[in-house]
N, C-alpha and C. Protein backbone atom coordinates (compact mmCIF):
# COMPACT_ATOMS: atom_id res chain seq x y z
N UNK A 1 47.21 40.62 100.08
CA UNK A 1 48.37 39.77 100.03
C UNK A 1 49.10 39.86 101.36
N UNK A 2 49.55 38.78 101.88
CA UNK A 2 50.25 38.74 103.16
C UNK A 2 51.61 39.42 103.05
N UNK A 3 52.06 40.00 104.16
CA UNK A 3 53.34 40.71 104.18
C UNK A 3 54.50 39.80 103.82
N UNK A 4 54.44 38.52 104.26
CA UNK A 4 55.54 37.60 103.94
C UNK A 4 55.65 37.37 102.45
N UNK A 5 54.52 37.39 101.72
CA UNK A 5 54.59 37.21 100.27
C UNK A 5 55.22 38.42 99.60
N UNK A 6 54.99 39.61 100.16
CA UNK A 6 55.63 40.81 99.61
C UNK A 6 57.14 40.67 99.73
N UNK A 7 57.61 40.28 100.91
CA UNK A 7 59.05 40.14 101.12
C UNK A 7 59.64 39.06 100.22
N UNK A 8 58.98 37.93 100.13
CA UNK A 8 59.48 36.84 99.28
C UNK A 8 59.48 37.26 97.81
N UNK A 9 58.40 37.86 97.37
CA UNK A 9 58.32 38.28 95.96
C UNK A 9 59.35 39.34 95.64
N UNK A 10 59.53 40.28 96.55
CA UNK A 10 60.51 41.34 96.30
C UNK A 10 61.92 40.77 96.21
N UNK A 11 62.29 39.93 97.15
CA UNK A 11 63.62 39.33 97.12
C UNK A 11 63.80 38.45 95.89
N UNK A 12 62.78 37.68 95.57
CA UNK A 12 62.92 36.80 94.40
C UNK A 12 63.04 37.60 93.12
N UNK A 13 62.34 38.72 93.06
CA UNK A 13 62.45 39.55 91.86
C UNK A 13 63.82 40.18 91.73
N UNK A 14 64.37 40.61 92.85
CA UNK A 14 65.64 41.32 92.79
C UNK A 14 66.85 40.40 92.85
N UNK A 15 66.74 39.33 93.61
CA UNK A 15 67.94 38.56 93.84
C UNK A 15 67.82 37.06 93.64
N UNK A 16 66.67 36.51 93.84
CA UNK A 16 66.57 35.06 93.94
C UNK A 16 65.74 34.44 92.84
N UNK A 17 65.98 33.19 92.59
CA UNK A 17 65.08 32.37 91.77
C UNK A 17 65.16 30.96 92.31
N UNK A 18 64.71 30.80 93.53
CA UNK A 18 64.82 29.50 94.17
C UNK A 18 66.02 29.49 95.07
N UNK A 19 67.12 28.90 94.62
CA UNK A 19 68.35 28.84 95.39
C UNK A 19 69.17 30.10 95.12
N UNK A 20 70.14 30.32 95.96
CA UNK A 20 70.86 31.58 95.95
C UNK A 20 72.33 31.38 95.62
N UNK A 21 72.86 32.23 94.74
CA UNK A 21 74.29 32.29 94.45
C UNK A 21 74.79 33.57 95.12
N UNK A 22 75.75 33.41 96.04
CA UNK A 22 76.30 34.56 96.75
C UNK A 22 77.78 34.71 96.45
N UNK A 23 78.30 35.89 96.76
CA UNK A 23 79.69 36.23 96.48
C UNK A 23 80.29 36.88 97.71
N UNK A 24 81.59 36.68 97.91
CA UNK A 24 82.30 37.29 99.04
C UNK A 24 82.37 38.80 98.90
N UNK A 25 82.56 39.27 97.67
CA UNK A 25 82.78 40.69 97.43
C UNK A 25 81.62 41.31 96.66
N UNK A 26 81.30 42.58 96.99
CA UNK A 26 80.27 43.29 96.22
C UNK A 26 80.88 43.90 94.97
N UNK A 27 80.04 44.34 94.07
CA UNK A 27 80.51 45.15 92.94
C UNK A 27 80.88 46.52 93.54
N UNK A 28 82.11 46.99 93.30
CA UNK A 28 82.48 48.30 93.83
C UNK A 28 81.61 49.41 93.23
N UNK A 29 81.43 50.48 93.99
CA UNK A 29 80.61 51.61 93.53
C UNK A 29 81.43 52.52 92.63
N UNK A 30 81.96 51.95 91.53
CA UNK A 30 82.81 52.70 90.60
C UNK A 30 82.07 53.20 89.38
N UNK A 31 80.86 52.76 89.18
CA UNK A 31 80.17 53.05 87.92
C UNK A 31 78.74 53.51 88.19
N UNK A 32 78.28 54.44 87.38
CA UNK A 32 76.91 54.94 87.48
C UNK A 32 75.96 54.02 86.71
N UNK A 33 74.77 53.88 87.23
CA UNK A 33 73.73 53.09 86.55
C UNK A 33 73.24 53.86 85.33
N UNK A 34 72.72 53.15 84.33
CA UNK A 34 72.13 53.87 83.20
C UNK A 34 70.92 54.66 83.70
N UNK A 35 70.80 55.90 83.25
CA UNK A 35 69.73 56.78 83.71
C UNK A 35 68.34 56.16 83.51
N UNK A 36 68.06 55.43 82.41
CA UNK A 36 66.73 54.84 82.26
C UNK A 36 66.36 53.80 83.33
N UNK A 37 67.35 53.31 84.10
CA UNK A 37 67.04 52.37 85.18
C UNK A 37 66.28 53.06 86.30
N UNK A 38 66.57 54.34 86.52
CA UNK A 38 65.95 55.07 87.62
C UNK A 38 64.48 55.34 87.32
N UNK A 39 63.68 55.31 88.36
CA UNK A 39 62.26 55.60 88.20
C UNK A 39 61.39 54.47 88.71
N UNK A 40 60.15 54.46 88.25
CA UNK A 40 59.14 53.53 88.75
C UNK A 40 58.80 52.47 87.71
N UNK A 41 58.67 51.23 88.21
CA UNK A 41 58.40 50.06 87.38
C UNK A 41 57.27 49.26 88.01
N UNK A 42 56.59 48.44 87.21
CA UNK A 42 55.53 47.58 87.74
C UNK A 42 55.39 46.31 86.91
N UNK A 43 54.79 45.29 87.55
CA UNK A 43 54.53 44.01 86.89
C UNK A 43 53.49 43.24 87.69
N UNK A 44 52.94 42.21 87.10
CA UNK A 44 52.07 41.27 87.82
C UNK A 44 52.94 40.09 88.20
N UNK A 45 52.87 39.68 89.49
CA UNK A 45 53.67 38.56 89.94
C UNK A 45 52.98 37.22 89.65
N UNK A 46 53.58 36.15 90.12
CA UNK A 46 53.09 34.81 89.86
C UNK A 46 51.70 34.55 90.44
N UNK A 47 51.28 35.33 91.44
CA UNK A 47 49.96 35.18 92.06
C UNK A 47 48.94 36.14 91.45
N UNK A 48 49.36 36.92 90.45
CA UNK A 48 48.46 37.88 89.82
C UNK A 48 48.37 39.21 90.53
N UNK A 49 49.21 39.40 91.56
CA UNK A 49 49.22 40.66 92.31
C UNK A 49 50.11 41.67 91.61
N UNK A 50 49.73 42.92 91.68
CA UNK A 50 50.53 43.99 91.08
C UNK A 50 51.73 44.27 91.96
N UNK A 51 52.92 44.24 91.39
CA UNK A 51 54.17 44.51 92.08
C UNK A 51 54.73 45.84 91.58
N UNK A 52 55.35 46.59 92.47
CA UNK A 52 55.92 47.87 92.12
C UNK A 52 57.39 47.90 92.54
N UNK A 53 58.18 48.59 91.77
CA UNK A 53 59.60 48.74 92.04
C UNK A 53 59.98 50.18 91.73
N UNK A 54 60.60 50.85 92.69
CA UNK A 54 61.05 52.21 92.49
C UNK A 54 62.56 52.24 92.73
N UNK A 55 63.30 52.75 91.75
CA UNK A 55 64.76 52.78 91.84
C UNK A 55 65.23 54.23 91.82
N UNK A 56 66.06 54.56 92.80
CA UNK A 56 66.56 55.93 92.92
C UNK A 56 68.03 55.91 93.34
N UNK A 57 68.69 57.00 93.06
CA UNK A 57 70.08 57.18 93.50
C UNK A 57 70.05 57.43 95.01
N UNK A 58 71.00 56.83 95.76
CA UNK A 58 71.07 57.10 97.20
C UNK A 58 72.45 57.57 97.62
N UNK A 59 73.34 57.74 96.67
CA UNK A 59 74.68 58.22 96.95
C UNK A 59 75.47 58.22 95.66
N UNK A 60 76.77 58.41 95.77
CA UNK A 60 77.63 58.40 94.61
C UNK A 60 77.76 56.97 94.08
N UNK A 61 77.12 56.69 92.96
CA UNK A 61 77.11 55.37 92.32
C UNK A 61 76.53 54.28 93.22
N UNK A 62 75.66 54.66 94.14
CA UNK A 62 74.94 53.72 95.00
C UNK A 62 73.45 54.01 94.81
N UNK A 63 72.66 52.93 94.75
CA UNK A 63 71.24 53.05 94.42
C UNK A 63 70.40 52.31 95.44
N UNK A 64 69.12 52.65 95.48
CA UNK A 64 68.17 52.00 96.38
C UNK A 64 66.96 51.57 95.58
N UNK A 65 66.61 50.29 95.74
CA UNK A 65 65.40 49.76 95.12
C UNK A 65 64.37 49.54 96.22
N UNK A 66 63.18 50.03 96.00
CA UNK A 66 62.07 49.86 96.93
C UNK A 66 61.00 49.04 96.21
N UNK A 67 60.60 47.91 96.81
CA UNK A 67 59.63 47.01 96.19
C UNK A 67 58.43 46.81 97.12
N UNK A 68 57.22 46.80 96.54
CA UNK A 68 56.01 46.57 97.31
C UNK A 68 54.93 46.04 96.40
N UNK A 69 53.85 45.57 97.02
CA UNK A 69 52.71 45.04 96.28
C UNK A 69 51.46 45.83 96.59
N UNK A 70 50.61 45.96 95.60
CA UNK A 70 49.32 46.63 95.78
C UNK A 70 48.45 45.77 96.68
N UNK A 71 47.82 46.40 97.63
CA UNK A 71 46.88 45.69 98.49
C UNK A 71 47.54 44.85 99.56
N UNK A 72 48.83 45.04 99.81
CA UNK A 72 49.46 44.27 100.88
C UNK A 72 48.88 44.73 102.21
N UNK A 73 48.74 43.78 103.14
CA UNK A 73 48.11 44.09 104.42
C UNK A 73 48.83 45.21 105.15
N UNK A 74 50.12 45.14 105.19
CA UNK A 74 50.89 46.13 105.94
C UNK A 74 51.37 47.27 105.04
N UNK A 75 51.25 47.10 103.75
CA UNK A 75 51.75 48.07 102.77
C UNK A 75 53.17 48.50 103.12
N UNK A 76 53.99 47.49 103.47
CA UNK A 76 55.38 47.73 103.82
C UNK A 76 56.23 47.49 102.59
N UNK A 77 57.10 48.42 102.31
CA UNK A 77 58.01 48.27 101.18
C UNK A 77 59.32 47.68 101.67
N UNK A 78 59.87 46.78 100.89
CA UNK A 78 61.19 46.24 101.14
C UNK A 78 62.18 47.12 100.40
N UNK A 79 63.30 47.46 101.04
CA UNK A 79 64.30 48.31 100.40
C UNK A 79 65.64 47.60 100.36
N UNK A 80 66.34 47.79 99.24
CA UNK A 80 67.64 47.16 99.03
C UNK A 80 68.60 48.18 98.44
N UNK A 81 69.77 48.30 99.03
CA UNK A 81 70.82 49.12 98.45
C UNK A 81 71.61 48.28 97.47
N UNK A 82 72.08 48.89 96.38
CA UNK A 82 72.86 48.12 95.41
C UNK A 82 73.80 49.01 94.62
N UNK A 83 74.78 48.36 94.01
CA UNK A 83 75.72 49.01 93.10
C UNK A 83 75.60 48.30 91.75
N UNK A 84 76.16 48.90 90.71
CA UNK A 84 76.07 48.33 89.37
C UNK A 84 77.43 48.31 88.69
N UNK A 85 77.52 47.49 87.66
CA UNK A 85 78.72 47.44 86.81
C UNK A 85 78.29 47.03 85.41
N UNK A 86 78.99 47.54 84.42
CA UNK A 86 78.74 47.19 83.03
C UNK A 86 79.98 46.48 82.50
N UNK A 87 79.79 45.24 82.09
CA UNK A 87 80.88 44.42 81.55
C UNK A 87 80.42 43.82 80.24
N UNK A 88 81.20 44.01 79.21
CA UNK A 88 80.81 43.46 77.92
C UNK A 88 79.46 44.01 77.51
N UNK A 89 78.54 43.14 77.17
CA UNK A 89 77.18 43.56 76.76
C UNK A 89 76.20 43.53 77.91
N UNK A 90 76.66 43.23 79.12
CA UNK A 90 75.74 43.02 80.23
C UNK A 90 75.91 44.06 81.33
N UNK A 91 74.78 44.32 82.01
CA UNK A 91 74.76 45.11 83.23
C UNK A 91 74.55 44.15 84.40
N UNK A 92 75.19 44.45 85.52
CA UNK A 92 75.06 43.66 86.74
C UNK A 92 74.73 44.57 87.90
N UNK A 93 74.01 44.02 88.89
CA UNK A 93 73.75 44.73 90.14
C UNK A 93 74.18 43.83 91.28
N UNK A 94 74.61 44.45 92.37
CA UNK A 94 75.08 43.70 93.54
C UNK A 94 74.43 44.29 94.78
N UNK A 95 73.87 43.41 95.62
CA UNK A 95 73.21 43.85 96.84
C UNK A 95 73.68 43.00 98.01
N UNK A 96 73.83 43.63 99.17
CA UNK A 96 74.19 42.91 100.39
C UNK A 96 73.03 42.09 100.89
N UNK A 97 73.34 40.96 101.49
CA UNK A 97 72.32 40.06 102.02
C UNK A 97 72.31 40.11 103.54
N UNK A 98 71.16 39.81 104.16
CA UNK A 98 71.10 39.81 105.62
C UNK A 98 71.92 38.65 106.21
N UNK A 99 72.20 38.74 107.50
CA UNK A 99 73.00 37.72 108.19
C UNK A 99 72.41 36.32 108.04
N UNK A 100 71.09 36.20 108.06
CA UNK A 100 70.47 34.87 107.98
C UNK A 100 70.75 34.19 106.64
N UNK A 101 71.17 34.97 105.65
CA UNK A 101 71.53 34.42 104.35
C UNK A 101 73.05 34.45 104.13
N UNK A 102 73.81 34.64 105.22
CA UNK A 102 75.25 34.58 105.12
C UNK A 102 75.96 35.91 105.08
N UNK A 103 75.23 37.01 105.01
CA UNK A 103 75.80 38.36 105.00
C UNK A 103 76.82 38.57 103.88
N UNK A 104 76.67 37.85 102.79
CA UNK A 104 77.53 38.05 101.62
C UNK A 104 76.80 38.94 100.63
N UNK A 105 77.04 38.76 99.36
CA UNK A 105 76.45 39.62 98.34
C UNK A 105 75.85 38.78 97.22
N UNK A 106 74.73 39.23 96.70
CA UNK A 106 74.12 38.59 95.53
C UNK A 106 74.42 39.46 94.32
N UNK A 107 74.63 38.82 93.19
CA UNK A 107 74.82 39.53 91.94
C UNK A 107 73.76 39.05 90.97
N UNK A 108 73.07 39.98 90.34
CA UNK A 108 72.06 39.66 89.34
C UNK A 108 72.38 40.44 88.08
N UNK A 109 71.88 39.97 86.96
CA UNK A 109 72.02 40.70 85.71
C UNK A 109 70.73 41.47 85.43
N UNK A 110 70.83 42.51 84.64
CA UNK A 110 69.62 43.22 84.22
C UNK A 110 69.83 43.83 82.85
N UNK A 111 68.72 44.07 82.17
CA UNK A 111 68.78 44.77 80.89
C UNK A 111 67.58 45.69 80.78
N UNK A 112 67.76 46.75 80.05
CA UNK A 112 66.70 47.69 79.73
C UNK A 112 66.42 47.50 78.25
N UNK A 113 65.21 47.04 77.92
CA UNK A 113 64.88 46.73 76.53
C UNK A 113 64.40 47.96 75.79
N UNK A 114 64.38 47.86 74.48
CA UNK A 114 63.86 48.95 73.66
C UNK A 114 62.35 49.10 73.84
N UNK A 115 61.69 48.07 74.38
CA UNK A 115 60.26 48.12 74.66
C UNK A 115 59.95 48.72 76.01
N UNK A 116 60.92 49.43 76.63
CA UNK A 116 60.73 50.09 77.91
C UNK A 116 60.46 49.10 79.04
N UNK A 117 61.19 47.99 79.02
CA UNK A 117 61.09 46.98 80.07
C UNK A 117 62.40 46.88 80.83
N UNK A 118 62.30 46.51 82.09
CA UNK A 118 63.44 46.18 82.92
C UNK A 118 63.36 44.67 83.16
N UNK A 119 64.35 43.93 82.67
CA UNK A 119 64.38 42.48 82.82
C UNK A 119 65.50 42.14 83.79
N UNK A 120 65.17 41.35 84.82
CA UNK A 120 66.14 40.98 85.85
C UNK A 120 66.44 39.49 85.73
N UNK A 121 67.73 39.16 85.78
CA UNK A 121 68.19 37.78 85.65
C UNK A 121 68.95 37.37 86.89
N UNK A 122 68.75 36.14 87.32
CA UNK A 122 69.52 35.56 88.40
C UNK A 122 70.47 34.54 87.82
N UNK A 123 71.42 34.10 88.63
CA UNK A 123 72.34 33.06 88.22
C UNK A 123 71.78 31.70 88.59
N UNK A 124 71.91 30.74 87.70
CA UNK A 124 71.43 29.37 87.91
C UNK A 124 72.37 28.65 88.86
N UNK A 125 71.89 28.32 90.07
CA UNK A 125 72.73 27.73 91.10
C UNK A 125 73.31 26.39 90.65
N UNK A 126 72.54 25.57 89.97
CA UNK A 126 73.04 24.27 89.52
C UNK A 126 74.18 24.44 88.52
N UNK A 127 74.04 25.39 87.62
CA UNK A 127 75.10 25.64 86.64
C UNK A 127 76.36 26.17 87.31
N UNK A 128 76.20 27.04 88.30
CA UNK A 128 77.36 27.56 89.03
C UNK A 128 78.05 26.43 89.79
N UNK A 129 77.28 25.54 90.41
CA UNK A 129 77.87 24.39 91.09
C UNK A 129 78.66 23.53 90.11
N UNK A 130 78.11 23.33 88.93
CA UNK A 130 78.80 22.54 87.90
C UNK A 130 80.11 23.23 87.50
N UNK A 131 80.07 24.53 87.32
CA UNK A 131 81.27 25.27 86.93
C UNK A 131 82.33 25.23 88.03
N UNK A 132 81.89 25.23 89.29
CA UNK A 132 82.84 25.10 90.39
C UNK A 132 83.47 23.71 90.38
N UNK A 133 82.67 22.69 90.11
CA UNK A 133 83.20 21.33 90.01
C UNK A 133 84.19 21.18 88.88
N UNK A 134 83.98 21.92 87.78
CA UNK A 134 84.88 21.87 86.62
C UNK A 134 86.08 22.78 86.78
N UNK A 135 86.12 23.60 87.84
CA UNK A 135 87.26 24.47 88.09
C UNK A 135 87.17 25.85 87.46
N UNK A 136 86.06 26.18 86.78
CA UNK A 136 85.93 27.50 86.16
C UNK A 136 85.77 28.59 87.22
N UNK A 137 85.13 28.25 88.33
CA UNK A 137 84.94 29.18 89.45
C UNK A 137 85.28 28.45 90.74
N UNK A 138 85.65 29.22 91.76
CA UNK A 138 85.94 28.65 93.06
C UNK A 138 84.82 28.98 94.02
N UNK A 139 84.58 28.09 94.98
CA UNK A 139 83.57 28.34 95.99
C UNK A 139 83.09 27.04 96.59
N UNK A 140 81.98 27.12 97.31
CA UNK A 140 81.42 25.92 97.92
C UNK A 140 79.92 26.09 98.12
N UNK A 141 79.24 24.98 98.30
CA UNK A 141 77.81 25.06 98.58
C UNK A 141 77.63 25.24 100.09
N UNK A 142 76.59 25.97 100.46
CA UNK A 142 76.28 26.24 101.86
C UNK A 142 74.78 26.10 102.05
N UNK A 143 74.39 25.85 103.27
CA UNK A 143 72.97 25.75 103.60
C UNK A 143 72.52 27.04 104.28
N UNK A 144 71.34 27.52 103.91
CA UNK A 144 70.74 28.69 104.56
C UNK A 144 69.35 28.27 105.03
N UNK A 145 68.70 29.09 105.86
CA UNK A 145 67.33 28.76 106.27
C UNK A 145 66.37 28.61 105.09
N UNK A 146 66.68 29.25 103.95
CA UNK A 146 65.83 29.18 102.76
C UNK A 146 66.20 28.02 101.85
N UNK A 147 67.27 27.27 102.17
CA UNK A 147 67.67 26.13 101.35
C UNK A 147 69.11 26.23 100.89
N UNK A 148 69.41 25.46 99.85
CA UNK A 148 70.77 25.39 99.34
C UNK A 148 71.21 26.72 98.73
N UNK A 149 72.46 27.06 98.97
CA UNK A 149 73.05 28.27 98.40
C UNK A 149 74.47 27.93 97.96
N UNK A 150 75.04 28.81 97.16
CA UNK A 150 76.40 28.66 96.69
C UNK A 150 77.15 29.94 97.03
N UNK A 151 78.34 29.79 97.61
CA UNK A 151 79.19 30.94 97.89
C UNK A 151 80.36 30.87 96.91
N UNK A 152 80.43 31.84 96.00
CA UNK A 152 81.52 31.92 95.03
C UNK A 152 82.62 32.77 95.66
N UNK A 153 83.83 32.18 95.73
CA UNK A 153 84.96 32.88 96.35
C UNK A 153 85.97 33.37 95.32
N UNK A 154 85.74 33.11 94.05
CA UNK A 154 86.63 33.61 93.00
C UNK A 154 86.65 35.13 93.02
N UNK A 155 87.78 35.75 92.66
CA UNK A 155 87.82 37.22 92.57
C UNK A 155 86.82 37.72 91.51
N UNK A 156 86.30 38.94 91.71
CA UNK A 156 85.29 39.48 90.81
C UNK A 156 85.76 39.56 89.37
N UNK A 157 87.04 39.85 89.11
CA UNK A 157 87.48 39.91 87.72
C UNK A 157 87.36 38.55 87.04
N UNK A 158 87.60 37.48 87.78
CA UNK A 158 87.42 36.13 87.22
C UNK A 158 85.93 35.82 87.03
N UNK A 159 85.11 36.23 87.99
CA UNK A 159 83.66 36.01 87.89
C UNK A 159 83.12 36.73 86.66
N UNK A 160 83.50 38.00 86.46
CA UNK A 160 82.99 38.75 85.32
C UNK A 160 83.52 38.20 84.00
N UNK A 161 84.75 37.73 83.97
CA UNK A 161 85.28 37.11 82.75
C UNK A 161 84.42 35.89 82.39
N UNK A 162 84.04 35.11 83.39
CA UNK A 162 83.18 33.95 83.17
C UNK A 162 81.79 34.39 82.70
N UNK A 163 81.18 35.34 83.41
CA UNK A 163 79.82 35.77 83.09
C UNK A 163 79.73 36.48 81.74
N UNK A 164 80.78 37.19 81.37
CA UNK A 164 80.76 37.94 80.11
C UNK A 164 80.97 37.05 78.88
N UNK A 165 81.47 35.85 79.08
CA UNK A 165 81.70 34.92 77.97
C UNK A 165 80.34 34.47 77.41
N UNK A 166 80.10 34.74 76.13
CA UNK A 166 78.82 34.38 75.50
C UNK A 166 78.51 32.89 75.60
N UNK A 167 79.54 32.06 75.72
CA UNK A 167 79.32 30.61 75.88
C UNK A 167 78.61 30.30 77.19
N UNK A 168 78.63 31.23 78.13
CA UNK A 168 77.99 31.01 79.43
C UNK A 168 76.67 31.77 79.57
N UNK A 169 76.11 32.22 78.47
CA UNK A 169 74.86 33.01 78.52
C UNK A 169 73.72 32.26 79.19
N UNK A 170 73.74 30.93 79.11
CA UNK A 170 72.64 30.15 79.70
C UNK A 170 72.74 30.02 81.22
N UNK A 171 73.73 30.64 81.84
CA UNK A 171 73.82 30.64 83.30
C UNK A 171 72.81 31.63 83.90
N UNK A 172 72.26 32.52 83.07
CA UNK A 172 71.29 33.50 83.52
C UNK A 172 69.86 32.98 83.33
N UNK A 173 69.03 33.20 84.35
CA UNK A 173 67.63 32.80 84.32
C UNK A 173 66.78 34.05 84.58
N UNK A 174 65.84 34.34 83.69
CA UNK A 174 64.97 35.50 83.89
C UNK A 174 64.07 35.26 85.10
N UNK A 175 64.05 36.25 86.03
CA UNK A 175 63.21 36.13 87.22
C UNK A 175 62.12 37.18 87.29
N UNK A 176 62.25 38.27 86.54
CA UNK A 176 61.21 39.30 86.56
C UNK A 176 61.32 40.18 85.33
N UNK A 177 60.16 40.64 84.88
CA UNK A 177 60.08 41.56 83.74
C UNK A 177 59.12 42.67 84.12
N UNK A 178 59.65 43.87 84.28
CA UNK A 178 58.88 45.04 84.68
C UNK A 178 58.64 45.95 83.48
N UNK A 179 57.51 46.65 83.52
CA UNK A 179 57.19 47.70 82.56
C UNK A 179 57.34 49.05 83.27
N UNK A 180 57.68 50.07 82.51
CA UNK A 180 57.78 51.41 83.09
C UNK A 180 56.38 51.80 83.59
N UNK A 181 56.28 52.33 84.82
CA UNK A 181 54.99 52.75 85.36
C UNK A 181 54.50 53.97 84.62
N UNK A 182 53.18 54.02 84.41
CA UNK A 182 52.57 55.15 83.71
C UNK A 182 52.43 56.35 84.62
N UNK A 183 52.41 56.12 85.93
CA UNK A 183 52.21 57.21 86.91
C UNK A 183 53.43 58.05 87.03
């Protein structure tokens, strides 16, 4: 598998599902991740390649995710630092983005299932744009080298109030489902 596919697959698994929803502010490092999140995970990606994800603590309430693919030419792992928050029934993760993507922050949802799976959800950019048009959230659309993106400028407490509302559950789109690694 080409190195560029590793990078694209890793980012799409952790943060993206096509277009990108970004935020001005990160989730503060005020909360610890659930202990079962830490460790090694794996899945088969859309091309049938084995993907790996290793999550570890890297500081006080700060975590590092390392993603790579089996058989990648360069066997280079992509690494992302992130923080977490638990609101209502949902867990969220926040990671900083590179300058080429606006140097803001992405927020994704995740859950740990009783079947020992890690499921990662992204925010639906079209739905967020609609909510901004209706006044539920503030922000604007922006262009990045990867395509259309949305920058949400609403304060995080307003964002979480919106995301935690069960009426908005369909704003989340599943982007990856990992199984606990046997190794």
